[in-house]
Amino acid sequence: MVALDTVRQEWEEANRRFDEAARDDALKPRLLAQLEVVLDELRKRVGQSFTLDDLADAYAAADRWAAEAVEERAATPGWPRHLADVQGAAFHQYQRGAVDYTP
């Protein structure tokens, strides 16, 4: 299992970088589309009832499946450059639905 405090910090930092990148009007629609793809995959993989530990476990394998999902459904020029931030932002947002979530 991945250290929960560490991954939550990674998610927060990635979300901050995602928000910063999304300020670019040309890039924002692509980033949001990629974010939706990763969030959709999280819904499928983790479900609606989960703990933060469950989410951290999913994060450990997310590099592979997030890349595959974005490449298949929302690939745009240069998409791999932002994937880590898109992925982290998705986990950051999704954690709010955890049964044991605390800010």
PDB file of N, CA and C in Angstrom:
ATOM      1  N   MET A   1       0.838  -1.191   0.000  1.00  0.00           N
ATOM      2  CA  MET A   1       0.000   0.000   0.000  1.00  0.00           C
ATOM      3  C   MET A   1       0.880   1.250   0.000  1.00  0.00           C
ATOM      4  N   VAL A   2       0.472   2.240  -0.709  1.00  0.00           N
ATOM      5  CA  VAL A   2       1.181   3.499  -0.812  1.00  0.00           C
ATOM      6  C   VAL A   2       0.870   4.350   0.419  1.00  0.00           C
ATOM      7  N   ALA A   3       1.857   5.096   0.910  1.00  0.00           N
ATOM      8  CA  ALA A   3       1.650   5.965   2.070  1.00  0.00           C
ATOM      9  C   ALA A   3       0.606   7.038   1.730  1.00  0.00           C
ATOM     10  N   LEU A   4      -0.480   7.018   2.456  1.00  0.00           N
ATOM     11  CA  LEU A   4      -1.618   7.877   2.157  1.00  0.00           C
ATOM     12  C   LEU A   4      -1.274   9.362   2.201  1.00  0.00           C
ATOM     13  N   ASP A   5      -0.563   9.792   3.210  1.00  0.00           N
ATOM     14  CA  ASP A   5      -0.215  11.214   3.303  1.00  0.00           C
ATOM     15  C   ASP A   5       0.619  11.667   2.111  1.00  0.00           C
ATOM     16  N   THR A   6       1.503  10.802   1.671  1.00  0.00           N
ATOM     17  CA  THR A   6       2.372  11.136   0.541  1.00  0.00           C
ATOM     18  C   THR A   6       1.571  11.290  -0.744  1.00  0.00           C
ATOM     19  N   VAL A   7       0.695  10.340  -1.023  1.00  0.00           N
ATOM     20  CA  VAL A   7      -0.063  10.436  -2.274  1.00  0.00           C
ATOM     21  C   VAL A   7      -1.059  11.586  -2.241  1.00  0.00           C
ATOM     22  N   ARG A   8      -1.627  11.857  -1.104  1.00  0.00           N
ATOM     23  CA  ARG A   8      -2.560  12.998  -1.035  1.00  0.00           C
ATOM     24  C   ARG A   8      -1.824  14.299  -1.306  1.00  0.00           C
ATOM     25  N   GLN A   9      -0.600  14.393  -0.838  1.00  0.00           N
ATOM     26  CA  GLN A   9       0.202  15.578  -1.131  1.00  0.00           C
ATOM     27  C   GLN A   9       0.530  15.635  -2.629  1.00  0.00           C
ATOM     28  N   GLU A  10       0.856  14.499  -3.227  1.00  0.00           N
ATOM     29  CA  GLU A  10       1.114  14.455  -4.673  1.00  0.00           C
ATOM     30  C   GLU A  10      -0.126  14.895  -5.445  1.00  0.00           C
ATOM     31  N   TRP A  11      -1.293  14.415  -5.029  1.00  0.00           N
ATOM     32  CA  TRP A  11      -2.533  14.789  -5.709  1.00  0.00           C
ATOM     33  C   TRP A  11      -2.783  16.285  -5.616  1.00  0.00           C
ATOM     34  N   GLU A  12      -2.548  16.842  -4.448  1.00  0.00           N
ATOM     35  CA  GLU A  12      -2.769  18.284  -4.259  1.00  0.00           C
ATOM     36  C   GLU A  12      -1.830  19.103  -5.142  1.00  0.00           C
ATOM     37  N   GLU A  13      -0.573  18.714  -5.189  1.00  0.00           N
ATOM     38  CA  GLU A  13       0.402  19.430  -6.020  1.00  0.00           C
ATOM     39  C   GLU A  13       0.064  19.295  -7.500  1.00  0.00           C
ATOM     40  N   ALA A  14      -0.339  18.100  -7.916  1.00  0.00           N
ATOM     41  CA  ALA A  14      -0.719  17.889  -9.314  1.00  0.00           C
ATOM     42  C   ALA A  14      -1.956  18.715  -9.662  1.00  0.00           C
ATOM     43  N   ASN A  15      -2.903  18.787  -8.740  1.00  0.00           N
ATOM     44  CA  ASN A  15      -4.098  19.590  -8.976  1.00  0.00           C
ATOM     45  C   ASN A  15      -3.746  21.070  -9.129  1.00  0.00           C
ATOM     46  N   ARG A  16      -2.813  21.539  -8.334  1.00  0.00           N
ATOM     47  CA  ARG A  16      -2.374  22.930  -8.456  1.00  0.00           C
ATOM     48  C   ARG A  16      -1.745  23.174  -9.830  1.00  0.00           C
ATOM     49  N   ARG A  17      -0.897  22.245 -10.285  1.00  0.00           N
ATOM     50  CA  ARG A  17      -0.265  22.386 -11.610  1.00  0.00           C
ATOM     51  C   ARG A  17      -1.309  22.282 -12.718  1.00  0.00           C
ATOM     52  N   PHE A  18      -2.280  21.386 -12.534  1.00  0.00           N
ATOM     53  CA  PHE A  18      -3.365  21.251 -13.505  1.00  0.00           C
ATOM     54  C   PHE A  18      -4.124  22.574 -13.633  1.00  0.00           C
ATOM     55  N   ASP A  19      -4.509  23.154 -12.501  1.00  0.00           N
ATOM     56  CA  ASP A  19      -5.238  24.426 -12.521  1.00  0.00           C
ATOM     57  C   ASP A  19      -4.424  25.517 -13.200  1.00  0.00           C
ATOM     58  N   GLU A  20      -3.137  25.517 -12.942  1.00  0.00           N
ATOM     59  CA  GLU A  20      -2.258  26.517 -13.567  1.00  0.00           C
ATOM     60  C   GLU A  20      -2.215  26.323 -15.082  1.00  0.00           C
ATOM     61  N   ALA A  21      -2.071  25.097 -15.538  1.00  0.00           N
ATOM     62  CA  ALA A  21      -2.021  24.810 -16.975  1.00  0.00           C
ATOM     63  C   ALA A  21      -3.363  25.124 -17.637  1.00  0.00           C
ATOM     64  N   ALA A  22      -4.456  24.887 -16.918  1.00  0.00           N
ATOM     65  CA  ALA A  22      -5.795  25.109 -17.471  1.00  0.00           C
ATOM     66  C   ALA A  22      -6.128  26.589 -17.628  1.00  0.00           C
ATOM     67  N   ARG A  23      -5.281  27.458 -17.147  1.00  0.00           N
ATOM     68  CA  ARG A  23      -5.490  28.902 -17.370  1.00  0.00           C
ATOM     69  C   ARG A  23      -5.260  29.271 -18.836  1.00  0.00           C
ATOM     70  N   ASP A  24      -4.539  28.403 -19.540  1.00  0.00           N
ATOM     71  CA  ASP A  24      -4.295  28.607 -20.967  1.00  0.00           C
ATOM     72  C   ASP A  24      -5.574  28.237 -21.712  1.00  0.00           C
ATOM     73  N   ASP A  25      -6.224  29.229 -22.320  1.00  0.00           N
ATOM     74  CA  ASP A  25      -7.508  28.996 -22.981  1.00  0.00           C
ATOM     75  C   ASP A  25      -7.434  27.954 -24.088  1.00  0.00           C
ATOM     76  N   ALA A  26      -6.311  27.863 -24.756  1.00  0.00           N
ATOM     77  CA  ALA A  26      -6.165  26.882 -25.832  1.00  0.00           C
ATOM     78  C   ALA A  26      -6.010  25.463 -25.276  1.00  0.00           C
ATOM     79  N   LEU A  27      -5.413  25.341 -24.121  1.00  0.00           N
ATOM     80  CA  LEU A  27      -5.127  24.043 -23.523  1.00  0.00           C
ATOM     81  C   LEU A  27      -6.267  23.533 -22.637  1.00  0.00           C
ATOM     82  N   LYS A  28      -7.013  24.450 -22.068  1.00  0.00           N
ATOM     83  CA  LYS A  28      -8.043  24.087 -21.081  1.00  0.00           C
ATOM     84  C   LYS A  28      -9.032  23.021 -21.563  1.00  0.00           C
ATOM     85  N   PRO A  29      -9.628  23.143 -22.756  1.00  0.00           N
ATOM     86  CA  PRO A  29     -10.601  22.119 -23.173  1.00  0.00           C
ATOM     87  C   PRO A  29      -9.983  20.724 -23.276  1.00  0.00           C
ATOM     88  N   ARG A  30      -8.745  20.640 -23.724  1.00  0.00           N
ATOM     89  CA  ARG A  30      -8.077  19.344 -23.833  1.00  0.00           C
ATOM     90  C   ARG A  30      -7.821  18.753 -22.459  1.00  0.00           C
ATOM     91  N   LEU A  31      -7.357  19.584 -21.539  1.00  0.00           N
ATOM     92  CA  LEU A  31      -7.089  19.105 -20.185  1.00  0.00           C
ATOM     93  C   LEU A  31      -8.362  18.637 -19.494  1.00  0.00           C
ATOM     94  N   LEU A  32      -9.430  19.394 -19.657  1.00  0.00           N
ATOM     95  CA  LEU A  32     -10.699  19.010 -19.036  1.00  0.00           C
ATOM     96  C   LEU A  32     -11.237  17.703 -19.626  1.00  0.00           C
ATOM     97  N   ALA A  33     -11.067  17.509 -20.922  1.00  0.00           N
ATOM     98  CA  ALA A  33     -11.501  16.253 -21.544  1.00  0.00           C
ATOM     99  C   ALA A  33     -10.693  15.082 -20.991  1.00  0.00           C
ATOM    100  N   GLN A  34      -9.398  15.270 -20.838  1.00  0.00           N
ATOM    101  CA  GLN A  34      -8.550  14.217 -20.288  1.00  0.00           C
ATOM    102  C   GLN A  34      -8.899  13.944 -18.832  1.00  0.00           C
ATOM    103  N   LEU A  35      -9.173  14.982 -18.078  1.00  0.00           N
ATOM    104  CA  LEU A  35      -9.578  14.825 -16.683  1.00  0.00           C
ATOM    105  C   LEU A  35     -10.854  13.994 -16.583  1.00  0.00           C
ATOM    106  N   GLU A  36     -11.823  14.271 -17.435  1.00  0.00           N
ATOM    107  CA  GLU A  36     -13.077  13.512 -17.420  1.00  0.00           C
ATOM    108  C   GLU A  36     -12.850  12.041 -17.732  1.00  0.00           C
ATOM    109  N   VAL A  37     -11.923  11.754 -18.637  1.00  0.00           N
ATOM    110  CA  VAL A  37     -11.615  10.358 -18.967  1.00  0.00           C
ATOM    111  C   VAL A  37     -11.061   9.642 -17.736  1.00  0.00           C
ATOM    112  N   VAL A  38     -10.127  10.278 -17.038  1.00  0.00           N
ATOM    113  CA  VAL A  38      -9.524   9.644 -15.858  1.00  0.00           C
ATOM    114  C   VAL A  38     -10.555   9.517 -14.740  1.00  0.00           C
ATOM    115  N   LEU A  39     -11.388  10.526 -14.541  1.00  0.00           N
ATOM    116  CA  LEU A  39     -12.446  10.427 -13.533  1.00  0.00           C
ATOM    117  C   LEU A  39     -13.422   9.298 -13.865  1.00  0.00           C
ATOM    118  N   ASP A  40     -13.752   9.157 -15.134  1.00  0.00           N
ATOM    119  CA  ASP A  40     -14.640   8.074 -15.547  1.00  0.00           C
ATOM    120  C   ASP A  40     -14.013   6.714 -15.247  1.00  0.00           C
ATOM    121  N   GLU A  41     -12.732   6.575 -15.508  1.00  0.00           N
ATOM    122  CA  GLU A  41     -12.039   5.323 -15.201  1.00  0.00           C
ATOM    123  C   GLU A  41     -12.008   5.069 -13.697  1.00  0.00           C
ATOM    124  N   LEU A  42     -11.840   6.118 -12.909  1.00  0.00           N
ATOM    125  CA  LEU A  42     -11.866   5.955 -11.452  1.00  0.00           C
ATOM    126  C   LEU A  42     -13.230   5.443 -10.985  1.00  0.00           C
ATOM    127  N   ARG A  43     -14.289   5.981 -11.557  1.00  0.00           N
ATOM    128  CA  ARG A  43     -15.627   5.519 -11.191  1.00  0.00           C
ATOM    129  C   ARG A  43     -15.768   4.022 -11.463  1.00  0.00           C
ATOM    130  N   LYS A  44     -15.225   3.580 -12.584  1.00  0.00           N
ATOM    131  CA  LYS A  44     -15.308   2.162 -12.957  1.00  0.00           C
ATOM    132  C   LYS A  44     -14.429   1.296 -12.059  1.00  0.00           C
ATOM    133  N   ARG A  45     -13.241   1.770 -11.745  1.00  0.00           N
ATOM    134  CA  ARG A  45     -12.254   0.962 -11.033  1.00  0.00           C
ATOM    135  C   ARG A  45     -12.429   0.983  -9.517  1.00  0.00           C
ATOM    136  N   VAL A  46     -12.835   2.124  -8.976  1.00  0.00           N
ATOM    137  CA  VAL A  46     -12.923   2.270  -7.521  1.00  0.00           C
ATOM    138  C   VAL A  46     -14.376   2.220  -7.052  1.00  0.00           C
ATOM    139  N   GLY A  47     -15.284   2.676  -7.888  1.00  0.00           N
ATOM    140  CA  GLY A  47     -16.696   2.667  -7.528  1.00  0.00           C
ATOM    141  C   GLY A  47     -17.109   3.920  -6.775  1.00  0.00           C
ATOM    142  N   GLN A  48     -18.293   3.870  -6.237  1.00  0.00           N
ATOM    143  CA  GLN A  48     -18.861   5.023  -5.535  1.00  0.00           C
ATOM    144  C   GLN A  48     -18.645   4.965  -4.032  1.00  0.00           C
ATOM    145  N   SER A  49     -18.425   3.787  -3.498  1.00  0.00           N
ATOM    146  CA  SER A  49     -18.179   3.630  -2.071  1.00  0.00           C
ATOM    147  C   SER A  49     -16.757   3.104  -1.882  1.00  0.00           C
ATOM    148  N   PHE A  50     -15.895   3.955  -1.350  1.00  0.00           N
ATOM    149  CA  PHE A  50     -14.484   3.610  -1.231  1.00  0.00           C
ATOM    150  C   PHE A  50     -13.851   4.398  -0.098  1.00  0.00           C
ATOM    151  N   THR A  51     -12.695   3.932   0.332  1.00  0.00           N
ATOM    152  CA  THR A  51     -11.913   4.646   1.343  1.00  0.00           C
ATOM    153  C   THR A  51     -10.725   5.323   0.660  1.00  0.00           C
ATOM    154  N   LEU A  52     -10.080   6.185   1.386  1.00  0.00           N
ATOM    155  CA  LEU A  52      -8.869   6.811   0.861  1.00  0.00           C
ATOM    156  C   LEU A  52      -7.780   5.777   0.601  1.00  0.00           C
ATOM    157  N   ASP A  53      -7.713   4.752   1.441  1.00  0.00           N
ATOM    158  CA  ASP A  53      -6.744   3.680   1.201  1.00  0.00           C
ATOM    159  C   ASP A  53      -7.044   2.945  -0.107  1.00  0.00           C
ATOM    160  N   ASP A  54      -8.319   2.708  -0.388  1.00  0.00           N
ATOM    161  CA  ASP A  54      -8.700   2.076  -1.661  1.00  0.00           C
ATOM    162  C   ASP A  54      -8.233   2.936  -2.838  1.00  0.00           C
ATOM    163  N   LEU A  55      -8.430   4.237  -2.707  1.00  0.00           N
ATOM    164  CA  LEU A  55      -8.047   5.157  -3.767  1.00  0.00           C
ATOM    165  C   LEU A  55      -6.525   5.196  -3.932  1.00  0.00           C
ATOM    166  N   ALA A  56      -5.809   5.195  -2.830  1.00  0.00           N
ATOM    167  CA  ALA A  56      -4.339   5.184  -2.899  1.00  0.00           C
ATOM    168  C   ALA A  56      -3.839   3.905  -3.556  1.00  0.00           C
ATOM    169  N   ASP A  57      -4.499   2.787  -3.286  1.00  0.00           N
ATOM    170  CA  ASP A  57      -4.126   1.530  -3.935  1.00  0.00           C
ATOM    171  C   ASP A  57      -4.345   1.617  -5.447  1.00  0.00           C
ATOM    172  N   ALA A  58      -5.445   2.226  -5.863  1.00  0.00           N
ATOM    173  CA  ALA A  58      -5.716   2.400  -7.298  1.00  0.00           C
ATOM    174  C   ALA A  58      -4.676   3.307  -7.937  1.00  0.00           C
ATOM    175  N   TYR A  59      -4.217   4.274  -7.188  1.00  0.00           N
ATOM    176  CA  TYR A  59      -3.216   5.222  -7.696  1.00  0.00           C
ATOM    177  C   TYR A  59      -1.901   4.527  -8.020  1.00  0.00           C
ATOM    178  N   ALA A  60      -1.575   3.502  -7.258  1.00  0.00           N
ATOM    179  CA  ALA A  60      -0.314   2.794  -7.460  1.00  0.00           C
ATOM    180  C   ALA A  60      -0.219   2.186  -8.857  1.00  0.00           C
ATOM    181  N   ALA A  61      -1.342   1.827  -9.459  1.00  0.00           N
ATOM    182  CA  ALA A  61      -1.342   1.216 -10.787  1.00  0.00           C
ATOM    183  C   ALA A  61      -1.869   2.165 -11.861  1.00  0.00           C
ATOM    184  N   ALA A  62      -2.145   3.396 -11.508  1.00  0.00           N
ATOM    185  CA  ALA A  62      -2.838   4.314 -12.413  1.00  0.00           C
ATOM    186  C   ALA A  62      -2.006   4.784 -13.592  1.00  0.00           C
ATOM    187  N   ASP A  63      -0.697   4.795 -13.478  1.00  0.00           N
ATOM    188  CA  ASP A  63       0.113   5.278 -14.598  1.00  0.00           C
ATOM    189  C   ASP A  63      -0.221   4.529 -15.879  1.00  0.00           C
ATOM    190  N   ARG A  64      -0.380   3.235 -15.779  1.00  0.00           N
ATOM    191  CA  ARG A  64      -0.656   2.420 -16.967  1.00  0.00           C
ATOM    192  C   ARG A  64      -2.073   2.645 -17.488  1.00  0.00           C
ATOM    193  N   TRP A  65      -3.067   2.446 -16.619  1.00  0.00           N
ATOM    194  CA  TRP A  65      -4.433   2.514 -17.128  1.00  0.00           C
ATOM    195  C   TRP A  65      -4.867   3.937 -17.480  1.00  0.00           C
ATOM    196  N   ALA A  66      -4.366   4.942 -16.785  1.00  0.00           N
ATOM    197  CA  ALA A  66      -4.728   6.324 -17.123  1.00  0.00           C
ATOM    198  C   ALA A  66      -4.170   6.695 -18.495  1.00  0.00           C
ATOM    199  N   ALA A  67      -2.937   6.303 -18.757  1.00  0.00           N
ATOM    200  CA  ALA A  67      -2.337   6.589 -20.066  1.00  0.00           C
ATOM    201  C   ALA A  67      -3.110   5.893 -21.182  1.00  0.00           C
ATOM    202  N   GLU A  68      -3.464   4.638 -20.957  1.00  0.00           N
ATOM    203  CA  GLU A  68      -4.221   3.892 -21.968  1.00  0.00           C
ATOM    204  C   GLU A  68      -5.572   4.543 -22.229  1.00  0.00           C
ATOM    205  N   ALA A  69      -6.258   4.951 -21.171  1.00  0.00           N
ATOM    206  CA  ALA A  69      -7.585   5.552 -21.318  1.00  0.00           C
ATOM    207  C   ALA A  69      -7.515   6.888 -22.037  1.00  0.00           C
ATOM    208  N   VAL A  70      -6.577   7.737 -21.644  1.00  0.00           N
ATOM    209  CA  VAL A  70      -6.464   9.044 -22.289  1.00  0.00           C
ATOM    210  C   VAL A  70      -6.032   8.877 -23.741  1.00  0.00           C
ATOM    211  N   GLU A  71      -5.085   7.998 -23.983  1.00  0.00           N
ATOM    212  CA  GLU A  71      -4.624   7.784 -25.361  1.00  0.00           C
ATOM    213  C   GLU A  71      -5.781   7.308 -26.245  1.00  0.00           C
ATOM    214  N   GLU A  72      -6.619   6.461 -25.705  1.00  0.00           N
ATOM    215  CA  GLU A  72      -7.736   5.906 -26.472  1.00  0.00           C
ATOM    216  C   GLU A  72      -8.872   6.902 -26.670  1.00  0.00           C
ATOM    217  N   ARG A  73      -9.169   7.714 -25.649  1.00  0.00           N
ATOM    218  CA  ARG A  73     -10.397   8.514 -25.681  1.00  0.00           C
ATOM    219  C   ARG A  73     -10.208  10.018 -25.707  1.00  0.00           C
ATOM    220  N   ALA A  74      -9.002  10.519 -25.418  1.00  0.00           N
ATOM    221  CA  ALA A  74      -8.846  11.981 -25.368  1.00  0.00           C
ATOM    222  C   ALA A  74      -7.443  12.431 -25.751  1.00  0.00           C
ATOM    223  N   ALA A  75      -6.795  11.669 -26.602  1.00  0.00           N
ATOM    224  CA  ALA A  75      -5.444  12.037 -27.012  1.00  0.00           C
ATOM    225  C   ALA A  75      -5.471  13.280 -27.893  1.00  0.00           C
ATOM    226  N   THR A  76      -4.605  14.199 -27.570  1.00  0.00           N
ATOM    227  CA  THR A  76      -4.416  15.413 -28.362  1.00  0.00           C
ATOM    228  C   THR A  76      -2.912  15.633 -28.453  1.00  0.00           C
ATOM    229  N   PRO A  77      -2.460  16.487 -29.358  1.00  0.00           N
ATOM    230  CA  PRO A  77      -1.014  16.707 -29.460  1.00  0.00           C
ATOM    231  C   PRO A  77      -0.405  17.086 -28.106  1.00  0.00           C
ATOM    232  N   GLY A  78       0.654  16.387 -27.723  1.00  0.00           N
ATOM    233  CA  GLY A  78       1.366  16.681 -26.487  1.00  0.00           C
ATOM    234  C   GLY A  78       0.708  16.167 -25.221  1.00  0.00           C
ATOM    235  N   TRP A  79      -0.325  15.327 -25.330  1.00  0.00           N
ATOM    236  CA  TRP A  79      -1.053  14.898 -24.140  1.00  0.00           C
ATOM    237  C   TRP A  79      -0.183  14.235 -23.083  1.00  0.00           C
ATOM    238  N   PRO A  80       0.847  13.454 -23.449  1.00  0.00           N
ATOM    239  CA  PRO A  80       1.638  12.815 -22.380  1.00  0.00           C
ATOM    240  C   PRO A  80       2.327  13.812 -21.447  1.00  0.00           C
ATOM    241  N   ARG A  81       2.604  15.005 -21.959  1.00  0.00           N
ATOM    242  CA  ARG A  81       3.300  16.017 -21.160  1.00  0.00           C
ATOM    243  C   ARG A  81       2.490  16.421 -19.922  1.00  0.00           C
ATOM    244  N   HIS A  82       1.176  16.350 -20.005  1.00  0.00           N
ATOM    245  CA  HIS A  82       0.316  16.789 -18.904  1.00  0.00           C
ATOM    246  C   HIS A  82      -0.341  15.634 -18.146  1.00  0.00           C
ATOM    247  N   LEU A  83      -0.051  14.415 -18.553  1.00  0.00           N
ATOM    248  CA  LEU A  83      -0.771  13.275 -17.989  1.00  0.00           C
ATOM    249  C   LEU A  83      -0.612  13.161 -16.477  1.00  0.00           C
ATOM    250  N   ALA A  84       0.572  13.341 -15.950  1.00  0.00           N
ATOM    251  CA  ALA A  84       0.772  13.210 -14.499  1.00  0.00           C
ATOM    252  C   ALA A  84      -0.092  14.207 -13.732  1.00  0.00           C
ATOM    253  N   ASP A  85      -0.207  15.418 -14.251  1.00  0.00           N
ATOM    254  CA  ASP A  85      -1.023  16.428 -13.572  1.00  0.00           C
ATOM    255  C   ASP A  85      -2.511  16.137 -13.721  1.00  0.00           C
ATOM    256  N   VAL A  86      -2.912  15.677 -14.895  1.00  0.00           N
ATOM    257  CA  VAL A  86      -4.314  15.296 -15.116  1.00  0.00           C
ATOM    258  C   VAL A  86      -4.685  14.156 -14.167  1.00  0.00           C
ATOM    259  N   GLN A  87      -3.827  13.169 -14.123  1.00  0.00           N
ATOM    260  CA  GLN A  87      -4.070  12.006 -13.261  1.00  0.00           C
ATOM    261  C   GLN A  87      -4.140  12.418 -11.794  1.00  0.00           C
ATOM    262  N   GLY A  88      -3.181  13.196 -11.331  1.00  0.00           N
ATOM    263  CA  GLY A  88      -3.176  13.640  -9.939  1.00  0.00           C
ATOM    264  C   GLY A  88      -4.385  14.493  -9.603  1.00  0.00           C
ATOM    265  N   ALA A  89      -4.768  15.361 -10.543  1.00  0.00           N
ATOM    266  CA  ALA A  89      -5.943  16.212 -10.318  1.00  0.00           C
ATOM    267  C   ALA A  89      -7.206  15.365 -10.212  1.00  0.00           C
ATOM    268  N   ALA A  90      -7.298  14.321 -11.018  1.00  0.00           N
ATOM    269  CA  ALA A  90      -8.470  13.441 -10.954  1.00  0.00           C
ATOM    270  C   ALA A  90      -8.554  12.762  -9.591  1.00  0.00           C
ATOM    271  N   PHE A  91      -7.441  12.247  -9.119  1.00  0.00           N
ATOM    272  CA  PHE A  91      -7.444  11.604  -7.802  1.00  0.00           C
ATOM    273  C   PHE A  91      -7.730  12.628  -6.703  1.00  0.00           C
ATOM    274  N   HIS A  92      -7.183  13.822  -6.835  1.00  0.00           N
ATOM    275  CA  HIS A  92      -7.425  14.879  -5.851  1.00  0.00           C
ATOM    276  C   HIS A  92      -8.926  15.174  -5.759  1.00  0.00           C
ATOM    277  N   GLN A  93      -9.571  15.293  -6.900  1.00  0.00           N
ATOM    278  CA  GLN A  93     -11.002  15.580  -6.903  1.00  0.00           C
ATOM    279  C   GLN A  93     -11.816  14.385  -6.414  1.00  0.00           C
ATOM    280  N   TYR A  94     -11.443  13.197  -6.842  1.00  0.00           N
ATOM    281  CA  TYR A  94     -12.224  12.006  -6.529  1.00  0.00           C
ATOM    282  C   TYR A  94     -12.155  11.649  -5.044  1.00  0.00           C
ATOM    283  N   GLN A  95     -11.066  12.013  -4.384  1.00  0.00           N
ATOM    284  CA  GLN A  95     -10.916  11.653  -2.973  1.00  0.00           C
ATOM    285  C   GLN A  95     -12.026  12.235  -2.111  1.00  0.00           C
ATOM    286  N   ARG A  96     -12.644  13.305  -2.557  1.00  0.00           N
ATOM    287  CA  ARG A  96     -13.712  13.944  -1.770  1.00  0.00           C
ATOM    288  C   ARG A  96     -14.921  13.038  -1.586  1.00  0.00           C
ATOM    289  N   GLY A  97     -15.023  12.002  -2.428  1.00  0.00           N
ATOM    290  CA  GLY A  97     -16.132  11.069  -2.312  1.00  0.00           C
ATOM    291  C   GLY A  97     -15.836   9.888  -1.396  1.00  0.00           C
ATOM    292  N   ALA A  98     -14.640   9.829  -0.847  1.00  0.00           N
ATOM    293  CA  ALA A  98     -14.266   8.710   0.031  1.00  0.00           C
ATOM    294  C   ALA A  98     -15.075   8.761   1.327  1.00  0.00           C
ATOM    295  N   VAL A  99     -15.427   7.591   1.827  1.00  0.00           N
ATOM    296  CA  VAL A  99     -16.231   7.534   3.051  1.00  0.00           C
ATOM    297  C   VAL A  99     -15.460   8.081   4.257  1.00  0.00           C
ATOM    298  N   ASP A 100     -14.137   8.079   4.179  1.00  0.00           N
ATOM    299  CA  ASP A 100     -13.333   8.580   5.291  1.00  0.00           C
ATOM    300  C   ASP A 100     -12.576   9.872   4.940  1.00  0.00           C
ATOM    301  N   TYR A 101     -13.087  10.607   3.950  1.00  0.00           N
ATOM    302  CA  TYR A 101     -12.418  11.834   3.519  1.00  0.00           C
ATOM    303  C   TYR A 101     -12.468  12.911   4.607  1.00  0.00           C
ATOM    304  N   THR A 102     -11.322  13.527   4.826  1.00  0.00           N
ATOM    305  CA  THR A 102     -11.222  14.740   5.626  1.00  0.00           C
ATOM    306  C   THR A 102     -10.272  15.670   4.898  1.00  0.00           C
ATOM    307  N   PRO A 103     -10.593  16.949   4.828  1.00  0.00           N
ATOM    308  CA  PRO A 103      -9.709  17.895   4.111  1.00  0.00           C
ATOM    309  C   PRO A 103      -8.332  18.001   4.752  1.00  0.00           C
TER     310      PRO A 103
END
